[in-house]
Protein backbone atom coordinates (compact mmCIF):
# COMPACT_ATOMS: atom_id res chain seq x y z
CA UNK A 1 0.00 0.00 0.00
CA UNK A 2 1.26 3.52 -0.77
CA UNK A 3 0.49 6.88 0.84
CA UNK A 4 -2.27 7.97 -1.55
CA UNK A 5 -4.11 4.67 -1.15
CA UNK A 6 -3.98 5.03 2.62
CA UNK A 7 -5.19 8.63 2.60
CA UNK A 8 -7.98 7.69 0.17
CA UNK A 9 -9.16 5.07 2.65
CA UNK A 10 -9.18 7.59 5.49
CA UNK A 11 -10.91 10.35 3.53
CA UNK A 12 -13.31 8.68 1.10
CA UNK A 13 -16.99 9.44 1.87
CA UNK A 14 -17.93 5.78 2.32
CA UNK A 15 -15.04 4.97 4.62
CA UNK A 16 -17.25 4.41 7.67
CA UNK A 17 -19.26 1.77 5.79
CA UNK A 18 -18.08 -1.76 5.10
CA UNK A 19 -15.58 -1.59 2.28
CA UNK A 20 -13.04 -3.91 0.79
CA UNK A 21 -9.95 -2.80 2.67
CA UNK A 22 -6.65 -4.61 2.15
CA UNK A 23 -6.45 -5.30 5.89
CA UNK A 24 -9.05 -6.58 8.33
CA UNK A 25 -7.59 -6.63 11.79
CA UNK A 26 -4.01 -7.48 10.85
CA UNK A 27 -1.24 -4.91 10.63
CA UNK A 28 -0.47 -3.57 7.16
CA UNK A 29 2.65 -1.63 6.25
CA UNK A 30 2.08 1.53 4.23
CA UNK A 31 5.11 3.16 2.58
CA UNK A 32 4.54 6.90 2.63
CA UNK A 33 7.91 7.56 0.97
CA UNK A 34 11.07 5.52 0.54
CA UNK A 35 12.11 6.73 4.00
CA UNK A 36 8.84 6.87 5.93
CA UNK A 37 6.13 4.33 6.66
CA UNK A 38 3.19 3.57 8.93
CA UNK A 39 1.92 0.24 10.29
CA UNK A 40 -1.88 0.25 10.28
CA UNK A 41 -4.69 -1.68 11.96
CA UNK A 42 -8.39 -1.23 11.26
CA UNK A 43 -9.92 -1.68 14.72
CA UNK A 44 -13.62 -1.08 14.04
CA UNK A 45 -15.58 0.83 11.40
CA UNK A 46 -14.23 4.36 11.36
CA UNK A 47 -11.52 3.69 13.97
CA UNK A 48 -7.89 3.12 12.95
CA UNK A 49 -4.63 2.66 14.81
CA UNK A 50 -1.14 3.01 13.39
CA UNK A 51 2.51 3.49 14.24
CA UNK A 52 4.36 6.36 12.56
CA UNK A 53 7.97 5.64 11.53
CA UNK A 54 8.96 8.90 9.84
CA UNK A 55 12.34 9.95 8.42
CA UNK A 56 11.24 13.01 6.43
CA UNK A 57 10.62 16.61 7.44
CA UNK A 58 7.50 17.08 5.29
CA UNK A 59 4.82 14.68 4.09
CA UNK A 60 2.27 16.12 1.69
CA UNK A 61 -0.98 14.53 0.51
CA UNK A 62 -3.39 15.54 -2.27
CA UNK A 63 -5.95 18.13 -1.19
CA UNK A 64 -9.34 16.62 -0.34
CA UNK A 65 -12.34 17.38 1.80
CA UNK A 66 -11.98 17.11 5.56
CA UNK A 67 -12.96 13.63 6.64
CA UNK A 68 -14.30 14.80 9.99
CA UNK A 69 -12.04 12.59 12.07
CA UNK A 70 -10.57 13.32 15.47
CA UNK A 71 -7.02 12.04 15.93
CA UNK A 72 -5.03 11.04 18.99
CA UNK A 73 -1.28 11.30 18.59
CA UNK A 74 1.36 10.12 21.05
CA UNK A 75 5.05 10.85 20.47
CA UNK A 76 7.59 8.11 21.17
CA UNK A 77 10.45 10.28 19.89
CA UNK A 78 10.87 13.36 17.75
CA UNK A 79 8.38 16.18 17.15
CA UNK A 80 5.19 16.49 15.11
CA UNK A 81 3.68 19.86 14.23
CA UNK A 82 -0.02 20.59 14.69
CA UNK A 83 -1.55 23.85 13.39
CA UNK A 84 -4.11 25.69 15.51
CA UNK A 85 -6.28 28.79 14.98
CA UNK A 86 -6.69 28.01 11.27
CA UNK A 87 -2.95 27.85 10.71
CA UNK A 88 -2.15 31.13 12.45
CA UNK A 89 -0.24 29.34 15.22
CA UNK A 90 1.43 25.98 15.79
CA UNK A 91 2.00 23.56 18.66
CA UNK A 92 4.47 20.67 18.74
CA UNK A 93 3.85 17.19 20.09
CA UNK A 94 7.16 15.95 21.46
CA UNK A 95 8.43 12.87 23.26
CA UNK A 96 6.09 11.77 26.04
CA UNK A 97 3.18 14.01 24.95
CA UNK A 98 -0.31 12.95 23.91
CA UNK A 99 -2.50 15.13 21.69
CA UNK A 100 -6.19 15.06 20.79
CA UNK A 101 -6.79 17.01 17.58
CA UNK A 102 -10.25 17.78 16.25
CA UNK A 103 -9.20 19.33 12.95
CA UNK A 104 -9.64 16.10 10.98
CA UNK A 105 -7.26 14.48 8.50
CA UNK A 106 -4.72 17.05 7.33
CA UNK A 107 -3.30 17.58 3.86
CA UNK A 108 0.26 17.36 5.07
CA UNK A 109 2.52 17.01 8.09
CA UNK A 110 5.73 18.67 9.26
CA UNK A 111 8.30 16.93 11.46
CA UNK A 112 11.06 19.26 12.72
CA UNK A 113 14.33 17.36 12.80
CA UNK A 114 13.33 14.91 10.02
CA UNK A 115 12.66 12.08 12.49
CA UNK A 116 9.48 11.06 14.28
CA UNK A 117 8.12 7.91 15.89
CA UNK A 118 4.67 7.81 17.38
CA UNK A 119 1.29 6.16 17.82
CA UNK A 120 -1.81 7.58 16.16
CA UNK A 121 -5.51 6.80 16.37
CA UNK A 122 -8.10 8.20 13.92
CA UNK A 123 -11.69 8.18 15.21
CA UNK A 124 -14.97 8.94 13.50
CA UNK A 125 -16.71 10.33 16.60
CA UNK A 126 -20.12 9.46 15.17
CA UNK A 127 -19.18 5.80 15.64
CA UNK A 128 -19.11 6.32 19.42
CA UNK A 129 -22.78 5.97 20.24
CA UNK A 130 -24.86 4.08 22.83
CA UNK A 131 -24.34 0.36 22.49
CA UNK A 132 -21.09 0.65 20.54
CA UNK A 133 -17.98 -1.14 21.73
CA UNK A 134 -16.21 2.00 22.93
CA UNK A 135 -19.15 3.21 25.04
CA UNK A 136 -19.23 -0.19 26.71
CA UNK A 137 -15.69 0.57 27.87
CA UNK A 138 -16.73 3.94 29.30
CA UNK A 139 -15.57 6.08 26.38
CA UNK A 140 -18.04 8.91 25.79
CA UNK A 141 -18.28 10.85 22.53
CA UNK A 142 -19.53 13.93 24.37
CA UNK A 143 -16.50 13.95 26.66
CA UNK A 144 -14.11 13.82 23.70
CA UNK A 145 -16.10 16.42 21.75
CA UNK A 146 -16.19 18.79 24.73
CA UNK A 147 -12.46 18.32 25.26
CA UNK A 148 -11.81 19.28 21.64
CA UNK A 149 -14.15 22.28 21.91
CA UNK A 150 -12.81 23.70 25.17
CA UNK A 151 -9.19 23.30 24.06
CA UNK A 152 -9.77 25.16 20.79
CA UNK A 153 -9.46 22.00 18.74
CA UNK A 154 -6.14 20.74 20.09
CA UNK A 155 -5.60 19.23 23.54
CA UNK A 156 -2.05 18.29 24.66
CA UNK A 157 -0.72 16.76 27.87
CA UNK A 158 2.42 14.97 29.06
CA UNK A 159 2.24 11.36 30.22
CA UNK A 160 3.98 9.83 33.22
CA UNK A 161 6.84 7.36 32.91
CA UNK A 162 4.70 4.28 33.63
CA UNK A 163 2.29 5.18 30.84
CA UNK A 164 5.14 5.98 28.45
CA UNK A 165 6.42 2.42 28.89
CA UNK A 166 2.97 1.08 27.95
CA UNK A 167 2.93 3.23 24.82
CA UNK A 168 6.43 2.06 23.86
CA UNK A 169 5.21 -1.54 24.16
CA UNK A 170 2.26 -0.82 21.86
CA UNK A 171 4.51 0.95 19.36
CA UNK A 172 6.83 -2.05 19.23
CA UNK A 173 3.91 -4.43 18.75
CA UNK A 174 2.66 -2.39 15.79
CA UNK A 175 6.08 -2.41 14.14
CA UNK A 176 6.42 -6.16 14.64
CA UNK A 177 2.80 -6.88 13.72
CA UNK A 178 2.76 -10.07 15.77
CA UNK A 179 -0.22 -9.37 18.06
CA UNK A 180 -3.85 -10.16 17.26
CA UNK A 181 -6.71 -7.71 16.73
CA UNK A 182 -7.95 -8.10 20.29
CA UNK A 183 -4.63 -6.88 21.66
CA UNK A 184 -4.67 -3.72 19.52
CA UNK A 185 -8.29 -3.01 20.41
CA UNK A 186 -7.59 -3.40 24.12
CA UNK A 187 -4.52 -1.14 23.97
CA UNK A 188 -6.39 1.53 22.01
CA UNK A 189 -9.23 1.59 24.55
CA UNK A 190 -6.58 1.98 27.27
CA UNK A 191 -4.95 4.82 25.35
CA UNK A 192 -8.23 6.73 24.96
CA UNK A 193 -9.09 6.27 28.63
CA UNK A 194 -5.65 7.57 29.59
CA UNK A 195 -6.26 10.65 27.44
CA UNK A 196 -9.62 11.31 29.10
CA UNK A 197 -8.10 10.85 32.57
CA UNK A 198 -5.34 13.35 31.75
CA UNK A 199 -7.96 15.91 30.71
CA UNK A 200 -8.67 16.50 34.39
CA UNK A 201 -5.19 17.97 34.82
CA UNK A 202 -5.37 21.69 34.06
CA UNK A 203 -1.81 22.55 35.07
CA UNK A 204 -0.22 21.83 31.70
CA UNK A 205 -0.61 24.78 29.34
CA UNK A 206 -0.05 24.54 25.59
CA UNK A 207 3.05 26.31 24.33
CA UNK A 208 2.73 27.57 20.78
CA UNK A 209 4.45 29.80 18.28
CA UNK A 210 2.85 32.14 15.78
CA UNK A 211 2.90 31.69 12.03
CA UNK A 212 5.50 34.45 11.71
CA UNK A 213 7.74 33.02 14.42
CA UNK A 214 7.57 29.59 12.80
CA UNK A 215 8.50 31.05 9.42
CA UNK A 216 11.57 32.77 10.86
CA UNK A 217 12.68 29.59 12.66
CA UNK A 218 12.37 27.51 9.48
CA UNK A 219 14.27 30.04 7.37
CA UNK A 220 17.04 30.21 9.97
CA UNK A 221 17.28 26.40 10.07
CA UNK A 222 17.56 26.28 6.28
CA UNK A 223 20.36 28.85 6.24
CA UNK A 224 22.28 27.21 9.08
CA UNK A 225 22.17 23.73 7.56
CA UNK A 226 22.69 24.64 3.89
CA UNK A 227 26.46 24.29 4.36
CA UNK A 228 27.41 22.70 7.67
CA UNK A 229 31.08 23.54 7.16
CA UNK A 230 30.24 27.20 7.79
CA UNK A 231 29.61 28.87 11.16
CA UNK A 232 27.13 31.69 10.67
CA UNK A 233 26.64 34.45 13.24
CA UNK A 234 23.14 34.41 14.73
CA UNK A 235 23.21 38.15 15.38
CA UNK A 236 23.76 38.80 11.65
CA UNK A 237 20.95 36.43 10.67
CA UNK A 238 18.59 38.04 13.19
CA UNK A 239 19.13 41.46 11.63
CA UNK A 240 17.90 40.13 8.28
CA UNK A 241 14.53 39.36 9.88
CA UNK A 242 14.30 42.49 12.01
CA UNK A 243 14.36 40.68 15.35
CA UNK A 244 16.86 40.19 18.15
CA UNK A 245 19.21 37.23 18.36
CA UNK A 246 17.46 36.11 21.57
CA UNK A 247 14.14 36.08 19.69
CA UNK A 248 15.65 33.95 16.90
CA UNK A 249 16.97 31.48 19.47
CA UNK A 250 13.59 31.35 21.22
CA UNK A 251 11.62 30.77 17.98
CA UNK A 252 14.09 28.10 16.89
CA UNK A 253 13.77 26.17 20.14
CA UNK A 254 9.96 26.43 20.02
CA UNK A 255 9.89 24.73 16.62
CA UNK A 256 12.83 22.33 16.82
CA UNK A 257 12.75 21.50 20.51
CA UNK A 258 16.40 22.25 21.23
CA UNK A 259 18.90 25.08 21.06
CA UNK A 260 20.55 26.08 17.80
CA UNK A 261 23.91 24.85 19.12
CA UNK A 262 22.58 21.42 20.06
CA UNK A 263 20.62 21.07 16.81
CA UNK A 264 23.62 21.91 14.64
CA UNK A 265 25.84 19.51 16.56
CA UNK A 266 23.41 16.68 15.82
CA UNK A 267 23.12 17.67 12.16
CA UNK A 268 26.90 17.84 11.74
CA UNK A 269 27.50 14.44 13.30
CA UNK A 270 24.63 12.81 11.41
CA UNK A 271 26.03 14.25 8.17
CA UNK A 272 29.46 12.93 9.08
CA UNK A 273 28.00 9.48 9.72
CA UNK A 274 26.66 9.40 6.17
CA UNK A 275 30.01 10.49 4.72
CA UNK A 276 31.78 7.78 6.74
CA UNK A 277 29.30 5.19 5.45
CA UNK A 278 29.31 6.22 1.81
CA UNK A 279 32.71 7.76 0.98
CA UNK A 280 36.42 7.06 1.41
CA UNK A 281 37.14 10.69 2.29
CA UNK A 282 39.73 11.20 5.00
CA UNK A 283 38.61 11.81 8.57
CA UNK A 284 40.18 15.27 8.39
CA UNK A 285 38.21 16.14 5.27
CA UNK A 286 34.96 14.90 6.80
CA UNK A 287 35.68 16.88 9.96
CA UNK A 288 36.12 20.07 7.92
CA UNK A 289 32.95 19.44 5.88
CA UNK A 290 31.11 18.92 9.16
CA UNK A 291 32.19 22.27 10.56
CA UNK A 292 35.15 21.15 12.69
CA UNK A 293 38.52 22.77 12.03
CA UNK A 294 40.25 20.41 14.47
CA UNK A 295 40.05 16.67 13.79
CA UNK A 296 40.60 15.88 17.46
CA UNK A 297 37.56 17.90 18.55
CA UNK A 298 35.50 16.29 15.81
CA UNK A 299 36.50 12.83 17.01
CA UNK A 300 35.65 13.72 20.59
CA UNK A 301 32.15 14.99 19.73
CA UNK A 302 31.55 12.11 17.32
CA UNK A 303 32.36 9.51 19.98
CA UNK A 304 30.18 11.30 22.52
CA UNK A 305 27.26 11.09 20.06
CA UNK A 306 27.78 7.56 18.65
CA UNK A 307 29.92 5.78 21.26
CA UNK A 308 32.53 5.09 18.55
CA UNK A 309 35.47 6.89 17.02
CA UNK A 310 35.02 7.92 13.35
CA UNK A 311 37.32 5.10 12.22
CA UNK A 312 35.49 2.51 14.32
CA UNK A 313 32.18 3.73 12.94
CA UNK A 314 33.42 3.50 9.36
CA UNK A 315 34.72 -0.05 9.82
CA UNK A 316 31.31 -1.17 11.12
CA UNK A 317 29.09 0.76 8.73
CA UNK A 318 30.92 1.48 5.47
CA UNK A 319 28.42 1.14 2.59
CA UNK A 320 25.99 -0.86 4.71
CA UNK A 321 23.65 1.92 5.74
CA UNK A 322 23.55 0.31 9.17
CA UNK A 323 23.48 2.75 12.06
CA UNK A 324 24.92 2.11 15.49
CA UNK A 325 22.75 4.68 17.20
């Protein structure tokens, strides 16, 4: 199955009726791109569960009418962007966070950092009615609808460590695809009940950035990563956008979840890992291309990030594409 087929299933008008889907209770792998995929289970009519395994920054889908679904998204690792206020502001679901979004199936997704793993549930709320399976487990459509309404369409909370372990277990089961339908149904009911329970906690406020702040952060990221051998001055970049350097740093961290310094260090080392895997360039040359003028410092940071020296990493991974971390 490919991305368009999957999105057609989720957004076609007759999707909540019986239809000849290529999966009925078993996990199906859907390749969104050559780098990103999801593992999907149809739980009941109009209710779907899947694991996101994303290695792209942007996934776009053909424009189509809103399917009217609510989605629950839990982040295992990485960040997923969710627009609010009709695209005038954005919030970011990051590791350990759960999100209920009432804006329906989107036309595209943005993942700052190009890496995201998470669990997602799509629910046709009209399927939650008296006598349905979910209501028998104490899941109320009105509670979910009110939660969406009072939160402005997007509700986000952090989960405790015990619950995070449960979600990691479910994520692994989806990737492996070895459990039966009953297991996935049970775990999804548990996930929704956890979400409803967390709605009683009003201490966690949503942090968001405006459309303009997001745009600046993305432009700054593009400039900083265009040539990782260069070290640009943030103060000079900030002047180009008419804001202070502290504002640029703040916007960047809001979108990408870490400081500019930390983000660039990861990007430089990840780029170096690819060069070590795919080229015979010298370590010194790779260090320079990665923004390190001193090979010793490069080796020190590389080992801190991967647990291996550059030479050790190359011996294990040259032209295999296998990653050690």
